N, C-alpha and C. Protein backbone atom coordinates (compact mmCIF):
# COMPACT_ATOMS: atom_id res chain seq x y z
N UNK A 1 91.64 140.13 89.74
CA UNK A 1 90.78 141.18 90.92
C UNK A 1 89.96 141.45 90.16
N UNK A 2 88.25 141.35 90.34
CA UNK A 2 86.61 141.55 89.38
C UNK A 2 86.77 143.23 89.83
N UNK A 3 86.08 143.56 89.38
CA UNK A 3 85.91 145.03 89.71
C UNK A 3 85.68 144.72 90.95
N UNK A 4 85.58 146.71 91.75
CA UNK A 4 84.92 146.33 93.12
C UNK A 4 83.99 147.72 93.25
N UNK A 5 83.78 147.97 94.59
CA UNK A 5 82.64 149.59 94.24
C UNK A 5 83.69 150.36 94.99
N UNK A 6 83.89 151.27 93.80
CA UNK A 6 84.95 152.95 93.79
C UNK A 6 83.27 153.38 94.66
N UNK A 7 82.28 153.51 94.89
CA UNK A 7 81.34 154.64 95.54
C UNK A 7 80.13 154.21 94.96
N UNK A 8 78.87 155.46 95.13
CA UNK A 8 77.83 155.40 94.83
C UNK A 8 77.11 156.27 93.21
N UNK A 9 77.03 156.05 92.74
CA UNK A 9 76.36 156.85 91.23
C UNK A 9 76.87 158.05 92.35
N UNK A 10 75.18 157.94 92.91
CA UNK A 10 74.36 159.75 93.68
C UNK A 10 75.73 160.67 94.18
N UNK A 11 77.35 159.76 94.19
CA UNK A 11 78.34 160.96 94.29
C UNK A 11 78.80 161.45 93.86
N UNK A 12 78.47 160.54 92.35
CA UNK A 12 79.55 161.99 91.13
C UNK A 12 78.74 162.60 90.79
N UNK A 13 78.86 163.83 90.56
CA UNK A 13 78.46 164.59 89.79
C UNK A 13 78.67 164.64 87.98
N UNK A 14 77.58 165.14 87.70
CA UNK A 14 78.16 165.28 86.07
C UNK A 14 78.92 166.18 85.71
N UNK A 15 80.48 166.06 84.17
CA UNK A 15 81.23 166.06 84.24
C UNK A 15 82.38 166.84 85.72
N UNK A 16 81.78 166.45 86.61
CA UNK A 16 83.27 167.34 87.20
C UNK A 16 84.16 166.00 88.41
N UNK A 17 85.51 166.21 87.88
CA UNK A 17 86.12 164.40 88.00
C UNK A 17 86.13 164.62 89.89
N UNK A 18 86.41 163.40 90.58
CA UNK A 18 86.68 162.32 91.40
C UNK A 18 87.32 161.58 92.08
N UNK A 19 88.07 162.28 92.51
CA UNK A 19 89.79 160.52 92.73
C UNK A 19 88.88 159.68 93.90
N UNK A 20 89.60 158.42 93.78
CA UNK A 20 88.71 157.54 94.60
C UNK A 20 90.20 156.72 94.26
N UNK A 21 90.36 155.92 95.59
CA UNK A 21 91.17 154.49 95.11
C UNK A 21 90.26 153.62 95.22
N UNK A 22 90.54 153.23 94.49
CA UNK A 22 90.41 151.31 94.02
C UNK A 22 90.78 150.26 93.38
N UNK A 23 90.93 149.36 95.15
CA UNK A 23 91.57 148.01 95.32
C UNK A 23 92.76 148.36 95.11
N UNK A 24 94.41 149.82 95.61
CA UNK A 24 95.52 150.08 95.78
C UNK A 24 95.14 151.32 94.78
N UNK A 25 94.50 151.68 93.49
CA UNK A 25 94.86 152.73 92.69
C UNK A 25 94.37 153.46 92.10
N UNK A 26 94.78 154.94 92.11
CA UNK A 26 94.62 156.46 92.43
C UNK A 26 93.66 156.39 91.06
N UNK A 27 92.24 156.18 91.03
CA UNK A 27 91.52 157.35 89.94
C UNK A 27 90.32 157.95 89.60
N UNK A 28 90.48 158.49 88.89
CA UNK A 28 89.76 160.01 88.56
C UNK A 28 88.32 159.23 88.20
N UNK A 29 87.39 159.18 88.69
CA UNK A 29 85.97 158.57 87.74
C UNK A 29 84.94 160.10 87.22
N UNK A 30 84.42 160.11 86.40
CA UNK A 30 84.00 161.27 85.52
C UNK A 30 82.92 160.77 84.73
N UNK A 31 81.49 160.83 85.85
CA UNK A 31 80.47 161.75 85.46
C UNK A 31 80.22 162.20 84.08
N UNK A 32 78.88 161.23 82.71
CA UNK A 32 78.40 161.89 81.46
C UNK A 32 77.41 161.37 81.33
N UNK A 33 76.56 162.23 82.11
CA UNK A 33 75.52 161.76 81.44
C UNK A 33 74.74 160.03 81.97
N UNK A 34 74.45 159.06 81.47
CA UNK A 34 74.46 157.67 82.49
C UNK A 34 75.80 157.16 81.88
N UNK A 35 76.99 157.46 82.03
CA UNK A 35 78.05 156.47 81.42
C UNK A 35 78.69 157.40 82.76
N UNK A 36 79.78 156.42 83.00
CA UNK A 36 80.66 156.58 83.48
C UNK A 36 82.14 156.10 83.68
N UNK A 37 83.04 156.59 83.37
CA UNK A 37 84.26 156.67 82.70
C UNK A 37 85.68 156.68 84.14
N UNK A 38 86.17 156.04 84.10
CA UNK A 38 87.85 155.15 84.83
C UNK A 38 88.56 155.78 84.41
N UNK A 39 89.26 156.70 85.00
CA UNK A 39 90.98 157.33 84.41
C UNK A 39 92.00 156.92 86.18
N UNK A 40 93.04 155.95 85.50
CA UNK A 40 94.78 156.72 85.94
C UNK A 40 94.22 158.08 86.35
N UNK A 41 94.20 158.01 87.99
CA UNK A 41 94.39 159.76 88.68
C UNK A 41 95.77 160.24 88.71
N UNK A 42 96.21 160.27 87.23
CA UNK A 42 98.07 160.93 87.29
C UNK A 42 98.39 161.43 85.72
N UNK A 43 98.70 162.12 85.65
CA UNK A 43 98.95 163.15 84.15
C UNK A 43 99.94 161.74 83.49
N UNK A 44 100.78 161.78 82.20
CA UNK A 44 101.70 160.89 82.06
C UNK A 44 102.24 162.06 82.07
N UNK A 45 102.70 162.56 81.55
CA UNK A 45 103.55 163.89 81.72
C UNK A 45 104.26 164.69 82.98
N UNK A 46 103.29 164.53 84.28
CA UNK A 46 104.16 165.34 85.39
C UNK A 46 103.45 164.88 86.42
N UNK A 47 102.91 164.25 86.61
CA UNK A 47 102.55 162.94 88.09
C UNK A 47 101.53 163.93 88.60
N UNK A 48 100.10 165.04 88.02
CA UNK A 48 99.51 165.34 88.70
C UNK A 48 98.46 164.80 88.76
N UNK A 49 97.37 165.08 89.46
CA UNK A 49 96.04 164.46 89.56
C UNK A 49 94.67 164.83 88.09
N UNK A 50 95.36 164.61 88.14
CA UNK A 50 93.18 164.61 86.99
C UNK A 50 92.48 164.70 87.37
N UNK A 51 92.41 164.35 88.11
CA UNK A 51 91.33 164.74 89.46
C UNK A 51 91.15 166.48 89.60
N UNK A 52 91.80 166.78 89.36
CA UNK A 52 91.73 168.55 89.34
C UNK A 52 91.70 168.99 88.18
N UNK A 53 91.40 168.24 87.67
CA UNK A 53 91.64 169.31 86.27
C UNK A 53 89.99 169.76 85.48
N UNK A 54 89.86 169.71 84.51
CA UNK A 54 88.68 170.21 83.72
C UNK A 54 88.12 169.08 83.49
N UNK A 55 86.58 168.68 82.90
CA UNK A 55 86.12 167.88 81.67
C UNK A 55 85.23 168.80 80.97
N UNK A 56 85.40 168.26 79.45
CA UNK A 56 84.97 168.53 78.56
C UNK A 56 84.57 167.90 77.39
N UNK A 57 83.37 167.39 77.12
CA UNK A 57 82.77 166.49 76.26
C UNK A 57 83.56 165.17 77.50
N UNK A 58 83.95 163.62 76.54
CA UNK A 58 84.61 163.36 76.92
C UNK A 58 86.24 163.01 76.90
N UNK A 59 87.00 164.01 77.29
CA UNK A 59 87.99 164.44 77.35
C UNK A 59 88.38 164.92 78.71
N UNK A 60 89.47 165.09 79.52
CA UNK A 60 89.87 165.72 80.59
C UNK A 60 91.58 165.78 80.73
N UNK A 61 91.23 167.53 80.87
CA UNK A 61 92.31 168.41 81.02
C UNK A 61 93.40 168.53 82.25
N UNK A 62 94.87 168.39 82.24
CA UNK A 62 95.10 168.18 83.40
C UNK A 62 96.12 169.53 84.12
N UNK A 63 95.29 170.30 85.18
CA UNK A 63 94.92 172.07 85.21
C UNK A 63 96.62 172.17 85.20
N UNK A 64 97.94 172.03 85.12
CA UNK A 64 98.40 171.82 85.52
C UNK A 64 99.22 172.72 83.70
N UNK A 65 99.79 171.76 83.02
CA UNK A 65 99.91 171.76 81.61
C UNK A 65 99.83 171.93 81.07
N UNK A 66 98.33 171.24 80.39
CA UNK A 66 96.83 171.85 79.72
C UNK A 66 96.60 170.45 79.00
N UNK A 67 98.00 169.35 79.23
CA UNK A 67 97.48 168.63 78.19
C UNK A 67 95.74 167.79 78.22
N UNK A 68 95.25 167.52 77.80
CA UNK A 68 94.48 166.01 77.95
C UNK A 68 94.04 164.91 76.71
N UNK A 69 93.34 164.00 77.67
CA UNK A 69 93.40 163.08 77.87
C UNK A 69 91.58 162.71 77.11
N UNK A 70 91.31 161.45 76.04
CA UNK A 70 91.07 160.82 75.96
C UNK A 70 90.17 160.14 77.81
N UNK A 71 89.29 160.15 77.85
CA UNK A 71 88.10 159.30 78.90
C UNK A 71 87.72 157.69 78.23
N UNK A 72 87.79 157.98 76.86
CA UNK A 72 86.97 156.64 76.28
C UNK A 72 88.55 155.49 76.51
N UNK A 73 89.49 156.59 75.76
CA UNK A 73 90.84 155.44 75.71
C UNK A 73 92.30 155.91 76.05
N UNK A 74 92.30 157.21 77.04
CA UNK A 74 93.76 157.52 77.26
C UNK A 74 94.75 157.88 76.77
N UNK A 75 93.74 158.28 75.73
CA UNK A 75 94.73 158.75 75.05
C UNK A 75 95.37 160.49 74.91
N UNK A 76 97.00 160.59 74.69
CA UNK A 76 96.83 162.00 74.89
C UNK A 76 96.71 162.86 73.87
N UNK A 77 96.00 163.34 73.74
CA UNK A 77 95.56 164.23 72.91
C UNK A 77 96.52 165.53 72.05
N UNK A 78 97.50 166.52 73.68
CA UNK A 78 98.31 167.00 73.00
C UNK A 78 98.59 167.10 73.76
N UNK A 79 100.04 167.94 73.36
CA UNK A 79 101.69 168.57 74.28
C UNK A 79 101.00 168.73 75.92
N UNK A 80 101.71 169.14 76.06
CA UNK A 80 103.00 167.95 76.68
C UNK A 80 103.07 166.65 76.57
N UNK A 81 102.25 166.45 77.36
CA UNK A 81 101.70 164.69 77.11
C UNK A 81 101.89 164.23 75.90
N UNK A 82 102.49 162.83 75.89
CA UNK A 82 102.60 162.34 74.29
C UNK A 82 102.00 160.88 75.02
N UNK A 83 102.48 160.23 76.38
CA UNK A 83 101.87 158.99 76.32
C UNK A 83 100.39 158.63 76.84
N UNK A 84 100.17 157.28 77.43
CA UNK A 84 98.81 157.43 77.65
C UNK A 84 98.51 157.23 79.07
N UNK A 85 97.09 157.72 79.57
CA UNK A 85 97.07 157.26 80.40
C UNK A 85 95.76 155.93 80.63
N UNK A 86 96.92 154.97 81.84
CA UNK A 86 95.16 154.13 81.83
C UNK A 86 93.89 154.42 81.74
N UNK A 87 93.01 153.37 81.40
CA UNK A 87 91.12 153.70 82.05
C UNK A 87 90.93 152.30 82.03
N UNK A 88 90.07 151.87 82.47
CA UNK A 88 89.43 150.98 83.49
C UNK A 88 88.23 150.41 83.56
N UNK A 89 87.21 149.79 83.05
CA UNK A 89 86.18 148.94 82.86
C UNK A 89 85.24 149.68 83.99
N UNK A 90 84.18 150.54 83.89
CA UNK A 90 83.52 150.57 84.96
C UNK A 90 81.75 150.41 84.32
N UNK A 91 81.94 149.61 85.50
CA UNK A 91 80.28 148.74 85.57
C UNK A 91 79.46 150.09 86.18
N UNK A 92 78.35 149.73 86.01
CA UNK A 92 76.74 150.76 87.38
C UNK A 92 76.40 149.48 87.53
N UNK A 93 76.35 148.90 88.70
CA UNK A 93 75.09 147.77 89.18
C UNK A 93 74.21 148.63 90.33
N UNK A 94 73.05 148.84 90.07
CA UNK A 94 71.84 149.72 91.03
C UNK A 94 72.83 151.13 91.21
N UNK A 95 72.89 151.65 92.54
CA UNK A 95 73.47 152.79 93.27
C UNK A 95 75.04 152.30 92.82
N UNK A 96 75.62 151.68 92.51
CA UNK A 96 76.83 151.07 92.56
C UNK A 96 77.58 151.24 91.77
N UNK A 97 79.07 151.57 91.21
CA UNK A 97 79.91 151.80 90.12
C UNK A 97 81.07 151.51 89.93
N UNK A 98 81.00 150.35 89.86
CA UNK A 98 82.31 149.18 89.89
C UNK A 98 82.98 150.14 89.04
N UNK A 99 84.30 149.29 89.57
CA UNK A 99 85.96 149.78 88.51
C UNK A 99 86.45 148.28 88.84
N UNK A 100 87.00 148.24 87.36
CA UNK A 100 87.94 146.81 87.33
C UNK A 100 89.60 147.63 87.27
N UNK A 101 90.21 147.51 87.83
CA UNK A 101 91.69 148.29 87.82
C UNK A 101 92.66 147.07 87.39
N UNK A 102 92.11 145.95 87.51
CA UNK A 102 93.35 145.07 87.07
C UNK A 102 93.10 144.26 85.72
N UNK A 103 92.12 145.02 84.68
CA UNK A 103 92.14 145.41 83.44
C UNK A 103 92.48 146.49 82.64
N UNK A 104 92.73 147.04 82.49
CA UNK A 104 93.49 148.98 82.17
C UNK A 104 93.17 148.19 80.24
N UNK A 105 92.81 149.26 80.19
CA UNK A 105 92.52 149.69 78.56
C UNK A 105 93.71 150.53 78.40
């Protein structure tokens, strides 16, 4: 599967995660300046939607237990989460945000 359109860039608010289904995968999209990050919308610790958490810098925090994850790598940055969350390549073409869920990193 190639990258598919998730939303319009105009739908994304700086630093506020939003949930989208892309190719059958739930992802949280986060706009930070000109960059857009896509991370699986599920905390690896407790299966909670990351799109309901807070974003600071390039990290997203799970609202339930406070685990944070890197938006760039998906790495779990503190306990209780120990496992990473998949992140996906994002391309912006015009006003379209495209996400490739077939090639997580």
